[in-house]
PDB file of all heavy atoms in Angstrom:
ATOM      1  N   PHE A   1      89.373 -99.650 -58.718  1.00  0.00           N
ATOM      2  CA  PHE A   1      88.745 -98.965 -59.860  1.00  0.00           C
ATOM      3  C   PHE A   1      87.361 -99.540 -60.135  1.00  0.00           C
ATOM      4  O   PHE A   1      86.398 -98.788 -60.364  1.00  0.00           O
ATOM      5  CB  PHE A   1      89.643 -99.106 -61.093  1.00  0.00           C
ATOM      6  CG  PHE A   1      89.191 -98.304 -62.279  1.00  0.00           C
ATOM      7  CD1 PHE A   1      89.510 -96.968 -62.386  1.00  0.00           C
ATOM      8  CD2 PHE A   1      88.440 -98.890 -63.290  1.00  0.00           C
ATOM      9  CE1 PHE A   1      89.097 -96.217 -63.481  1.00  0.00           C
ATOM     10  CE2 PHE A   1      88.019 -98.155 -64.384  1.00  0.00           C
ATOM     11  CZ  PHE A   1      88.353 -96.816 -64.483  1.00  0.00           C
ATOM     12  N   ILE A   2      87.248-100.861 -60.109  1.00  0.00           N
ATOM     13  CA  ILE A   2      85.946-101.508 -60.326  1.00  0.00           C
ATOM     14  C   ILE A   2      84.952-101.075 -59.254  1.00  0.00           C
ATOM     15  O   ILE A   2      83.808-100.732 -59.542  1.00  0.00           O
ATOM     16  CB  ILE A   2      86.101-103.039 -60.337  1.00  0.00           C
ATOM     17  CG1 ILE A   2      86.920-103.494 -61.541  1.00  0.00           C
ATOM     18  CG2 ILE A   2      84.733-103.726 -60.353  1.00  0.00           C
ATOM     19  CD1 ILE A   2      87.290-104.966 -61.516  1.00  0.00           C
ATOM     20  N   ALA A   3      85.393-101.077 -57.994  1.00  0.00           N
ATOM     21  CA  ALA A   3      84.507-100.718 -56.882  1.00  0.00           C
ATOM     22  C   ALA A   3      84.058 -99.261 -56.972  1.00  0.00           C
ATOM     23  O   ALA A   3      82.883 -98.938 -56.763  1.00  0.00           O
ATOM     24  CB  ALA A   3      85.204-100.983 -55.549  1.00  0.00           C
ATOM     25  N   LEU A   4      84.987 -98.361 -57.298  1.00  0.00           N
ATOM     26  CA  LEU A   4      84.655 -96.943 -57.351  1.00  0.00           C
ATOM     27  C   LEU A   4      83.669 -96.630 -58.479  1.00  0.00           C
ATOM     28  O   LEU A   4      82.710 -95.881 -58.286  1.00  0.00           O
ATOM     29  CB  LEU A   4      85.930 -96.112 -57.527  1.00  0.00           C
ATOM     30  CG  LEU A   4      86.875 -96.064 -56.316  1.00  0.00           C
ATOM     31  CD1 LEU A   4      88.158 -95.333 -56.664  1.00  0.00           C
ATOM     32  CD2 LEU A   4      86.182 -95.385 -55.133  1.00  0.00           C
ATOM     33  N   LEU A   5      83.898 -97.198 -59.655  1.00  0.00           N
ATOM     34  CA  LEU A   5      82.986 -96.931 -60.763  1.00  0.00           C
ATOM     35  C   LEU A   5      81.629 -97.589 -60.545  1.00  0.00           C
ATOM     36  O   LEU A   5      80.605 -97.024 -60.921  1.00  0.00           O
ATOM     37  CB  LEU A   5      83.591 -97.412 -62.091  1.00  0.00           C
ATOM     38  CG  LEU A   5      84.223 -96.276 -62.927  1.00  0.00           C
ATOM     39  CD1 LEU A   5      85.462 -95.726 -62.223  1.00  0.00           C
ATOM     40  CD2 LEU A   5      84.563 -96.754 -64.321  1.00  0.00           C
ATOM     41  N   TYR A   6      81.617 -98.751 -59.902  1.00  0.00           N
ATOM     42  CA  TYR A   6      80.333 -99.400 -59.620  1.00  0.00           C
ATOM     43  C   TYR A   6      79.512 -98.569 -58.641  1.00  0.00           C
ATOM     44  O   TYR A   6      78.282 -98.499 -58.740  1.00  0.00           O
ATOM     45  CB  TYR A   6      80.567-100.800 -59.052  1.00  0.00           C
ATOM     46  CG  TYR A   6      79.287-101.544 -58.765  1.00  0.00           C
ATOM     47  CD1 TYR A   6      78.599-102.206 -59.780  1.00  0.00           C
ATOM     48  CD2 TYR A   6      78.738-101.577 -57.481  1.00  0.00           C
ATOM     49  CE1 TYR A   6      77.424-102.877 -59.529  1.00  0.00           C
ATOM     50  CE2 TYR A   6      77.554-102.249 -57.228  1.00  0.00           C
ATOM     51  CZ  TYR A   6      76.906-102.903 -58.246  1.00  0.00           C
ATOM     52  OH  TYR A   6      75.717-103.563 -57.992  1.00  0.00           O
ATOM     53  N   ASN A   7      80.185 -97.905 -57.717  1.00  0.00           N
ATOM     54  CA  ASN A   7      79.492 -97.145 -56.675  1.00  0.00           C
ATOM     55  C   ASN A   7      78.906 -95.835 -57.198  1.00  0.00           C
ATOM     56  O   ASN A   7      78.085 -95.213 -56.517  1.00  0.00           O
ATOM     57  CB  ASN A   7      80.459 -96.838 -55.524  1.00  0.00           C
ATOM     58  CG  ASN A   7      79.757 -96.317 -54.300  1.00  0.00           C
ATOM     59  OD1 ASN A   7      78.722 -96.847 -53.887  1.00  0.00           O
ATOM     60  ND2 ASN A   7      80.306 -95.281 -53.690  1.00  0.00           N
ATOM     61  N   ILE A   8      79.289 -95.408 -58.398  1.00  0.00           N
ATOM     62  CA  ILE A   8      78.827 -94.120 -58.910  1.00  0.00           C
ATOM     63  C   ILE A   8      77.325 -94.124 -59.187  1.00  0.00           C
ATOM     64  O   ILE A   8      76.609 -93.198 -58.810  1.00  0.00           O
ATOM     65  CB  ILE A   8      79.611 -93.741 -60.186  1.00  0.00           C
ATOM     66  CG1 ILE A   8      81.072 -93.438 -59.833  1.00  0.00           C
ATOM     67  CG2 ILE A   8      78.974 -92.532 -60.877  1.00  0.00           C
ATOM     68  CD1 ILE A   8      81.944 -93.132 -61.035  1.00  0.00           C
ATOM     69  N   LYS A   9      76.821 -95.177 -59.830  1.00  0.00           N
ATOM     70  CA  LYS A   9      75.415 -95.198 -60.231  1.00  0.00           C
ATOM     71  C   LYS A   9      74.626 -96.332 -59.587  1.00  0.00           C
ATOM     72  O   LYS A   9      73.515 -96.651 -60.025  1.00  0.00           O
ATOM     73  CB  LYS A   9      75.307 -95.327 -61.760  1.00  0.00           C
ATOM     74  CG  LYS A   9      75.882 -94.161 -62.528  1.00  0.00           C
ATOM     75  CD  LYS A   9      75.089 -92.899 -62.323  1.00  0.00           C
ATOM     76  CE  LYS A   9      73.722 -92.969 -62.959  1.00  0.00           C
ATOM     77  NZ  LYS A   9      72.960 -91.714 -62.829  1.00  0.00           N
ATOM     78  N   ASN A  10      75.187 -96.955 -58.540  1.00  0.00           N
ATOM     79  CA  ASN A  10      74.508 -98.075 -57.906  1.00  0.00           C
ATOM     80  C   ASN A  10      74.493 -97.897 -56.395  1.00  0.00           C
ATOM     81  O   ASN A  10      75.448 -97.359 -55.815  1.00  0.00           O
ATOM     82  CB  ASN A  10      75.201 -99.407 -58.249  1.00  0.00           C
ATOM     83  CG  ASN A  10      75.116 -99.732 -59.714  1.00  0.00           C
ATOM     84  OD1 ASN A  10      74.110-100.237 -60.208  1.00  0.00           O
ATOM     85  ND2 ASN A  10      76.187 -99.445 -60.443  1.00  0.00           N
ATOM     86  N   HIS A  11      73.431 -98.368 -55.777  1.00  0.00           N
ATOM     87  CA  HIS A  11      73.347 -98.374 -54.327  1.00  0.00           C
ATOM     88  C   HIS A  11      73.759 -99.761 -53.835  1.00  0.00           C
ATOM     89  O   HIS A  11      73.144-100.764 -54.199  1.00  0.00           O
ATOM     90  CB  HIS A  11      71.924 -98.067 -53.860  1.00  0.00           C
ATOM     91  CG  HIS A  11      71.439 -96.715 -54.277  1.00  0.00           C
ATOM     92  ND1 HIS A  11      71.886 -95.551 -53.689  1.00  0.00           N
ATOM     93  CD2 HIS A  11      70.559 -96.330 -55.234  1.00  0.00           C
ATOM     94  CE1 HIS A  11      71.297 -94.514 -54.244  1.00  0.00           C
ATOM     95  NE2 HIS A  11      70.494 -94.953 -55.200  1.00  0.00           N
ATOM     96  N   CYS A  12      74.791 -99.826 -53.038  1.00  0.00           N
ATOM     97  CA  CYS A  12      75.275-101.108 -52.550  1.00  0.00           C
ATOM     98  C   CYS A  12      75.905-100.918 -51.179  1.00  0.00           C
ATOM     99  O   CYS A  12      76.173 -99.801 -50.742  1.00  0.00           O
ATOM    100  CB  CYS A  12      76.279-101.733 -53.526  1.00  0.00           C
ATOM    101  SG  CYS A  12      77.706-100.681 -53.857  1.00  0.00           S
ATOM    102  N   SER A  13      76.166-102.028 -50.517  1.00  0.00           N
ATOM    103  CA  SER A  13      76.726-101.970 -49.175  1.00  0.00           C
ATOM    104  C   SER A  13      78.243-101.767 -49.227  1.00  0.00           C
ATOM    105  O   SER A  13      78.893-102.037 -50.248  1.00  0.00           O
ATOM    106  CB  SER A  13      76.409-103.260 -48.422  1.00  0.00           C
ATOM    107  OG  SER A  13      77.067-104.360 -49.039  1.00  0.00           O
ATOM    108  N   LYS A  14      78.785-101.293 -48.122  1.00  0.00           N
ATOM    109  CA  LYS A  14      80.227-101.139 -48.008  1.00  0.00           C
ATOM    110  C   LYS A  14      80.923-102.493 -48.119  1.00  0.00           C
ATOM    111  O   LYS A  14      82.005-102.612 -48.698  1.00  0.00           O
ATOM    112  CB  LYS A  14      80.568-100.473 -46.678  1.00  0.00           C
ATOM    113  CG  LYS A  14      82.048-100.227 -46.471  1.00  0.00           C
ATOM    114  CD  LYS A  14      82.298 -99.522 -45.145  1.00  0.00           C
ATOM    115  CE  LYS A  14      83.799 -99.274 -44.930  1.00  0.00           C
ATOM    116  NZ  LYS A  14      84.050 -98.569 -43.652  1.00  0.00           N
ATOM    117  N   SER A  15      80.282-103.523 -47.575  1.00  0.00           N
ATOM    118  CA  SER A  15      80.850-104.873 -47.636  1.00  0.00           C
ATOM    119  C   SER A  15      81.030-105.331 -49.081  1.00  0.00           C
ATOM    120  O   SER A  15      82.051-105.934 -49.433  1.00  0.00           O
ATOM    121  CB  SER A  15      79.939-105.846 -46.882  1.00  0.00           C
ATOM    122  OG  SER A  15      80.401-107.171 -47.016  1.00  0.00           O
ATOM    123  N   PHE A  16      80.044-105.039 -49.947  1.00  0.00           N
ATOM    124  CA  PHE A  16      80.147-105.457 -51.347  1.00  0.00           C
ATOM    125  C   PHE A  16      81.264-104.723 -52.059  1.00  0.00           C
ATOM    126  O   PHE A  16      81.999-105.317 -52.862  1.00  0.00           O
ATOM    127  CB  PHE A  16      78.815-105.234 -52.056  1.00  0.00           C
ATOM    128  CG  PHE A  16      78.814-105.686 -53.488  1.00  0.00           C
ATOM    129  CD1 PHE A  16      78.817-107.034 -53.803  1.00  0.00           C
ATOM    130  CD2 PHE A  16      78.825-104.770 -54.525  1.00  0.00           C
ATOM    131  CE1 PHE A  16      78.832-107.463 -55.122  1.00  0.00           C
ATOM    132  CE2 PHE A  16      78.829-105.184 -55.839  1.00  0.00           C
ATOM    133  CZ  PHE A  16      78.832-106.537 -56.142  1.00  0.00           C
ATOM    134  N   LEU A  17      81.419-103.417 -51.784  1.00  0.00           N
ATOM    135  CA  LEU A  17      82.494-102.654 -52.405  1.00  0.00           C
ATOM    136  C   LEU A  17      83.863-103.171 -51.979  1.00  0.00           C
ATOM    137  O   LEU A  17      84.795-103.253 -52.790  1.00  0.00           O
ATOM    138  CB  LEU A  17      82.356-101.174 -52.055  1.00  0.00           C
ATOM    139  CG  LEU A  17      81.141-100.448 -52.643  1.00  0.00           C
ATOM    140  CD1 LEU A  17      81.123 -98.997 -52.201  1.00  0.00           C
ATOM    141  CD2 LEU A  17      81.145-100.538 -54.170  1.00  0.00           C
ATOM    142  N   ILE A  18      83.996-103.511 -50.696  1.00  0.00           N
ATOM    143  CA  ILE A  18      85.262-104.076 -50.217  1.00  0.00           C
ATOM    144  C   ILE A  18      85.546-105.402 -50.914  1.00  0.00           C
ATOM    145  O   ILE A  18      86.684-105.708 -51.293  1.00  0.00           O
ATOM    146  CB  ILE A  18      85.231-104.247 -48.688  1.00  0.00           C
ATOM    147  CG1 ILE A  18      85.185-102.871 -48.013  1.00  0.00           C
ATOM    148  CG2 ILE A  18      86.436-105.039 -48.200  1.00  0.00           C
ATOM    149  CD1 ILE A  18      85.019-102.937 -46.505  1.00  0.00           C
ATOM    150  N   THR A  19      84.486-106.199 -51.103  1.00  0.00           N
ATOM    151  CA  THR A  19      84.647-107.478 -51.795  1.00  0.00           C
ATOM    152  C   THR A  19      85.162-107.276 -53.211  1.00  0.00           C
ATOM    153  O   THR A  19      86.085-107.979 -53.661  1.00  0.00           O
ATOM    154  CB  THR A  19      83.306-108.234 -51.832  1.00  0.00           C
ATOM    155  OG1 THR A  19      82.864-108.482 -50.496  1.00  0.00           O
ATOM    156  CG2 THR A  19      83.453-109.561 -52.563  1.00  0.00           C
ATOM    157  N   LEU A  20      84.573-106.318 -53.937  1.00  0.00           N
ATOM    158  CA  LEU A  20      85.040-106.042 -55.298  1.00  0.00           C
ATOM    159  C   LEU A  20      86.485-105.577 -55.310  1.00  0.00           C
ATOM    160  O   LEU A  20      87.246-105.909 -56.227  1.00  0.00           O
ATOM    161  CB  LEU A  20      84.154-104.974 -55.952  1.00  0.00           C
ATOM    162  CG  LEU A  20      82.739-105.374 -56.352  1.00  0.00           C
ATOM    163  CD1 LEU A  20      82.014-104.195 -56.970  1.00  0.00           C
ATOM    164  CD2 LEU A  20      82.761-106.546 -57.321  1.00  0.00           C
ATOM    165  N   ALA A  21      86.885-104.798 -54.289  1.00  0.00           N
ATOM    166  CA  ALA A  21      88.238-104.248 -54.261  1.00  0.00           C
ATOM    167  C   ALA A  21      89.299-105.319 -54.009  1.00  0.00           C
ATOM    168  O   ALA A  21      90.397-105.254 -54.575  1.00  0.00           O
ATOM    169  CB  ALA A  21      88.332-103.148 -53.201  1.00  0.00           C
ATOM    170  N   VAL A  22      88.993-106.290 -53.153  1.00  0.00           N
ATOM    171  CA  VAL A  22      90.016-107.282 -52.766  1.00  0.00           C
ATOM    172  C   VAL A  22      89.923-108.575 -53.551  1.00  0.00           C
ATOM    173  O   VAL A  22      90.867-109.373 -53.539  1.00  0.00           O
ATOM    174  CB  VAL A  22      89.934-107.588 -51.252  1.00  0.00           C
ATOM    175  CG1 VAL A  22      90.083-106.314 -50.438  1.00  0.00           C
ATOM    176  CG2 VAL A  22      88.633-108.287 -50.898  1.00  0.00           C
ATOM    177  N   LEU A  23      88.796-108.805 -54.243  1.00  0.00           N
ATOM    178  CA  LEU A  23      88.620-110.082 -54.948  1.00  0.00           C
ATOM    179  C   LEU A  23      89.682-110.333 -56.019  1.00  0.00           C
ATOM    180  O   LEU A  23      90.195-111.468 -56.114  1.00  0.00           O
ATOM    181  CB  LEU A  23      87.215-110.146 -55.552  1.00  0.00           C
ATOM    182  CG  LEU A  23      86.813-111.489 -56.177  1.00  0.00           C
ATOM    183  CD1 LEU A  23      86.919-112.618 -55.158  1.00  0.00           C
ATOM    184  CD2 LEU A  23      85.396-111.409 -56.737  1.00  0.00           C
ATOM    185  N   PRO A  24      90.054-109.354 -56.856  1.00  0.00           N
ATOM    186  CA  PRO A  24      91.099-109.641 -57.847  1.00  0.00           C
ATOM    187  C   PRO A  24      92.411-110.107 -57.221  1.00  0.00           C
ATOM    188  O   PRO A  24      93.041-111.044 -57.724  1.00  0.00           O
ATOM    189  CB  PRO A  24      91.274-108.289 -58.562  1.00  0.00           C
ATOM    190  CG  PRO A  24      89.971-107.600 -58.412  1.00  0.00           C
ATOM    191  CD  PRO A  24      89.481-107.998 -57.049  1.00  0.00           C
ATOM    192  N   ALA A  25      92.815-109.469 -56.103  1.00  0.00           N
ATOM    193  CA  ALA A  25      94.061-109.876 -55.451  1.00  0.00           C
ATOM    194  C   ALA A  25      93.947-111.283 -54.873  1.00  0.00           C
ATOM    195  O   ALA A  25      94.904-112.072 -54.929  1.00  0.00           O
ATOM    196  CB  ALA A  25      94.418-108.874 -54.347  1.00  0.00           C
ATOM    197  N   ALA A  26      92.783-111.622 -54.330  1.00  0.00           N
ATOM    198  CA  ALA A  26      92.594-112.956 -53.765  1.00  0.00           C
ATOM    199  C   ALA A  26      92.651-114.031 -54.850  1.00  0.00           C
ATOM    200  O   ALA A  26      93.313-115.068 -54.690  1.00  0.00           O
ATOM    201  CB  ALA A  26      91.258-113.017 -53.020  1.00  0.00           C
ATOM    202  N   VAL A  27      91.972-113.791 -55.970  1.00  0.00           N
ATOM    203  CA  VAL A  27      91.993-114.757 -57.071  1.00  0.00           C
ATOM    204  C   VAL A  27      93.391-114.858 -57.662  1.00  0.00           C
ATOM    205  O   VAL A  27      93.859-115.954 -58.011  1.00  0.00           O
ATOM    206  CB  VAL A  27      90.962-114.350 -58.149  1.00  0.00           C
ATOM    207  CG1 VAL A  27      91.070-115.267 -59.365  1.00  0.00           C
ATOM    208  CG2 VAL A  27      89.556-114.392 -57.581  1.00  0.00           C
ATOM    209  N   GLN A  28      94.068-113.716 -57.783  1.00  0.00           N
ATOM    210  CA  GLN A  28      95.434-113.706 -58.309  1.00  0.00           C
ATOM    211  C   GLN A  28      96.352-114.591 -57.461  1.00  0.00           C
ATOM    212  O   GLN A  28      97.147-115.379 -57.987  1.00  0.00           O
ATOM    213  CB  GLN A  28      95.967-112.286 -58.329  1.00  0.00           C
ATOM    214  CG  GLN A  28      97.479-112.186 -58.529  1.00  0.00           C
ATOM    215  CD  GLN A  28      98.119-111.257 -57.512  1.00  0.00           C
ATOM    216  OE1 GLN A  28      97.646-110.146 -57.314  1.00  0.00           O
ATOM    217  NE2 GLN A  28      99.186-111.703 -56.876  1.00  0.00           N
ATOM    218  N   MET A  29      96.222-114.497 -56.142  1.00  0.00           N
ATOM    219  CA  MET A  29      97.062-115.295 -55.254  1.00  0.00           C
ATOM    220  C   MET A  29      96.794-116.783 -55.432  1.00  0.00           C
ATOM    221  O   MET A  29      97.717-117.603 -55.438  1.00  0.00           O
ATOM    222  CB  MET A  29      96.804-114.872 -53.800  1.00  0.00           C
ATOM    223  CG  MET A  29      97.765-115.487 -52.808  1.00  0.00           C
ATOM    224  SD  MET A  29      99.463-114.945 -53.147  1.00  0.00           S
ATOM    225  CE  MET A  29     100.368-116.018 -52.034  1.00  0.00           C
ATOM    226  N   VAL A  30      95.519-117.121 -55.589  1.00  0.00           N
ATOM    227  CA  VAL A  30      95.170-118.536 -55.791  1.00  0.00           C
ATOM    228  C   VAL A  30      95.791-119.060 -57.081  1.00  0.00           C
ATOM    229  O   VAL A  30      96.372-120.156 -57.115  1.00  0.00           O
ATOM    230  CB  VAL A  30      93.637-118.705 -55.813  1.00  0.00           C
ATOM    231  CG1 VAL A  30      93.267-120.123 -56.244  1.00  0.00           C
ATOM    232  CG2 VAL A  30      93.046-118.404 -54.444  1.00  0.00           C
ATOM    233  N   ILE A  31      95.707-118.279 -58.155  1.00  0.00           N
ATOM    234  CA  ILE A  31      96.252-118.713 -59.446  1.00  0.00           C
ATOM    235  C   ILE A  31      97.770-118.871 -59.353  1.00  0.00           C
ATOM    236  O   ILE A  31      98.355-119.815 -59.912  1.00  0.00           O
ATOM    237  CB  ILE A  31      95.874-117.715 -60.548  1.00  0.00           C
ATOM    238  CG1 ILE A  31      94.352-117.667 -60.711  1.00  0.00           C
ATOM    239  CG2 ILE A  31      96.525-118.093 -61.860  1.00  0.00           C
ATOM    240  CD1 ILE A  31      93.737-119.007 -61.023  1.00  0.00           C
ATOM    241  N   MET A  32      98.418-117.967 -58.639  1.00  0.00           N
ATOM    242  CA  MET A  32      99.869-118.073 -58.474  1.00  0.00           C
ATOM    243  C   MET A  32     100.253-119.335 -57.711  1.00  0.00           C
ATOM    244  O   MET A  32     101.232-120.002 -58.044  1.00  0.00           O
ATOM    245  CB  MET A  32     100.397-116.847 -57.732  1.00  0.00           C
ATOM    246  CG  MET A  32     100.504-115.600 -58.582  1.00  0.00           C
ATOM    247  SD  MET A  32     101.226-114.226 -57.652  1.00  0.00           S
ATOM    248  CE  MET A  32     101.446-113.017 -58.960  1.00  0.00           C
ATOM    249  N   LEU A  33      99.479-119.670 -56.695  1.00  0.00           N
ATOM    250  CA  LEU A  33      99.794-120.847 -55.896  1.00  0.00           C
ATOM    251  C   LEU A  33      99.530-122.137 -56.659  1.00  0.00           C
ATOM    252  O   LEU A  33     100.237-123.127 -56.498  1.00  0.00           O
ATOM    253  CB  LEU A  33      98.980-120.833 -54.594  1.00  0.00           C
ATOM    254  CG  LEU A  33      99.335-119.720 -53.606  1.00  0.00           C
ATOM    255  CD1 LEU A  33      98.409-119.747 -52.405  1.00  0.00           C
ATOM    256  CD2 LEU A  33     100.792-119.858 -53.152  1.00  0.00           C
ATOM    257  N   VAL A  34      98.485-122.149 -57.485  1.00  0.00           N
ATOM    258  CA  VAL A  34      98.198-123.344 -58.282  1.00  0.00           C
ATOM    259  C   VAL A  34      99.328-123.583 -59.279  1.00  0.00           C
ATOM    260  O   VAL A  34      99.892-124.682 -59.373  1.00  0.00           O
ATOM    261  CB  VAL A  34      96.850-123.191 -59.011  1.00  0.00           C
ATOM    262  CG1 VAL A  34      96.653-124.325 -60.012  1.00  0.00           C
ATOM    263  CG2 VAL A  34      95.714-123.166 -57.999  1.00  0.00           C
ATOM    264  N   ASN A  35      99.654-122.546 -60.071  1.00  0.00           N
ATOM    265  CA  ASN A  35     100.832-122.558 -60.956  1.00  0.00           C
ATOM    266  C   ASN A  35     100.944-123.830 -61.781  1.00  0.00           C
ATOM    267  O   ASN A  35     101.981-124.490 -61.815  1.00  0.00           O
ATOM    268  CB  ASN A  35     102.106-122.356 -60.131  1.00  0.00           C
ATOM    269  CG  ASN A  35     103.303-121.988 -61.004  1.00  0.00           C
ATOM    270  OD1 ASN A  35     103.134-121.496 -62.111  1.00  0.00           O
ATOM    271  ND2 ASN A  35     104.489-122.239 -60.490  1.00  0.00           N
ATOM    272  N   GLY A  36      99.853-124.198 -62.453  1.00  0.00           N
ATOM    273  CA  GLY A  36      99.905-125.336 -63.353  1.00  0.00           C
ATOM    274  C   GLY A  36      99.681-126.685 -62.708  1.00  0.00           C
ATOM    275  O   GLY A  36      99.661-127.700 -63.400  1.00  0.00           O
ATOM    276  N   ASN A  37      99.517-126.736 -61.395  1.00  0.00           N
ATOM    277  CA  ASN A  37      99.276-127.999 -60.708  1.00  0.00           C
ATOM    278  C   ASN A  37      97.821-128.398 -60.901  1.00  0.00           C
ATOM    279  O   ASN A  37      96.908-127.746 -60.391  1.00  0.00           O
ATOM    280  CB  ASN A  37      99.603-127.841 -59.210  1.00  0.00           C
ATOM    281  CG  ASN A  37      99.569-129.175 -58.485  1.00  0.00           C
ATOM    282  OD1 ASN A  37      98.658-129.970 -58.661  1.00  0.00           O
ATOM    283  ND2 ASN A  37     100.592-129.402 -57.675  1.00  0.00           N
ATOM    284  N   LEU A  38      97.568-129.488 -61.634  1.00  0.00           N
ATOM    285  CA  LEU A  38      96.209-129.898 -61.963  1.00  0.00           C
ATOM    286  C   LEU A  38      95.424-130.270 -60.709  1.00  0.00           C
ATOM    287  O   LEU A  38      94.260-129.875 -60.544  1.00  0.00           O
ATOM    288  CB  LEU A  38      96.241-131.077 -62.941  1.00  0.00           C
ATOM    289  CG  LEU A  38      94.862-131.620 -63.373  1.00  0.00           C
ATOM    290  CD1 LEU A  38      94.061-130.525 -64.061  1.00  0.00           C
ATOM    291  CD2 LEU A  38      95.040-132.823 -64.296  1.00  0.00           C
ATOM    292  N   GLY A  39      96.042-131.014 -59.810  1.00  0.00           N
ATOM    293  CA  GLY A  39      95.349-131.422 -58.593  1.00  0.00           C
ATOM    294  C   GLY A  39      94.952-130.235 -57.735  1.00  0.00           C
ATOM    295  O   GLY A  39      93.834-130.162 -57.229  1.00  0.00           O
ATOM    296  N   ALA A  40      95.862-129.289 -57.603  1.00  0.00           N
ATOM    297  CA  ALA A  40      95.564-128.093 -56.822  1.00  0.00           C
ATOM    298  C   ALA A  40      94.469-127.269 -57.493  1.00  0.00           C
ATOM    299  O   ALA A  40      93.606-126.684 -56.824  1.00  0.00           O
ATOM    300  CB  ALA A  40      96.820-127.247 -56.645  1.00  0.00           C
ATOM    301  N   GLY A  41      94.485-127.240 -58.826  1.00  0.00           N
ATOM    302  CA  GLY A  41      93.457-126.498 -59.554  1.00  0.00           C
ATOM    303  C   GLY A  41      92.068-127.069 -59.329  1.00  0.00           C
ATOM    304  O   GLY A  41      91.106-126.332 -59.132  1.00  0.00           O
ATOM    305  N   VAL A  42      91.960-128.395 -59.345  1.00  0.00           N
ATOM    306  CA  VAL A  42      90.662-129.038 -59.095  1.00  0.00           C
ATOM    307  C   VAL A  42      90.188-128.757 -57.673  1.00  0.00           C
ATOM    308  O   VAL A  42      89.013-128.474 -57.422  1.00  0.00           O
ATOM    309  CB  VAL A  42      90.761-130.558 -59.344  1.00  0.00           C
ATOM    310  CG1 VAL A  42      89.475-131.257 -58.920  1.00  0.00           C
ATOM    311  CG2 VAL A  42      91.053-130.832 -60.812  1.00  0.00           C
ATOM    312  N   ALA A  43      91.117-128.803 -56.710  1.00  0.00           N
ATOM    313  CA  ALA A  43      90.759-128.523 -55.318  1.00  0.00           C
ATOM    314  C   ALA A  43      90.280-127.085 -55.137  1.00  0.00           C
ATOM    315  O   ALA A  43      89.311-126.812 -54.426  1.00  0.00           O
ATOM    316  CB  ALA A  43      91.956-128.794 -54.413  1.00  0.00           C
TER     317      ALA A  43
END
């Protein structure tokens, strides 16, 4: 949704749109793996 709406009024590369589309899932996975571990969070 973020990628599609950004592409409506902006000129950008396909690579950037793909980045916007997959970035939330990538960050979500990192947060799930950290799961309150302070050392892992700092890393």
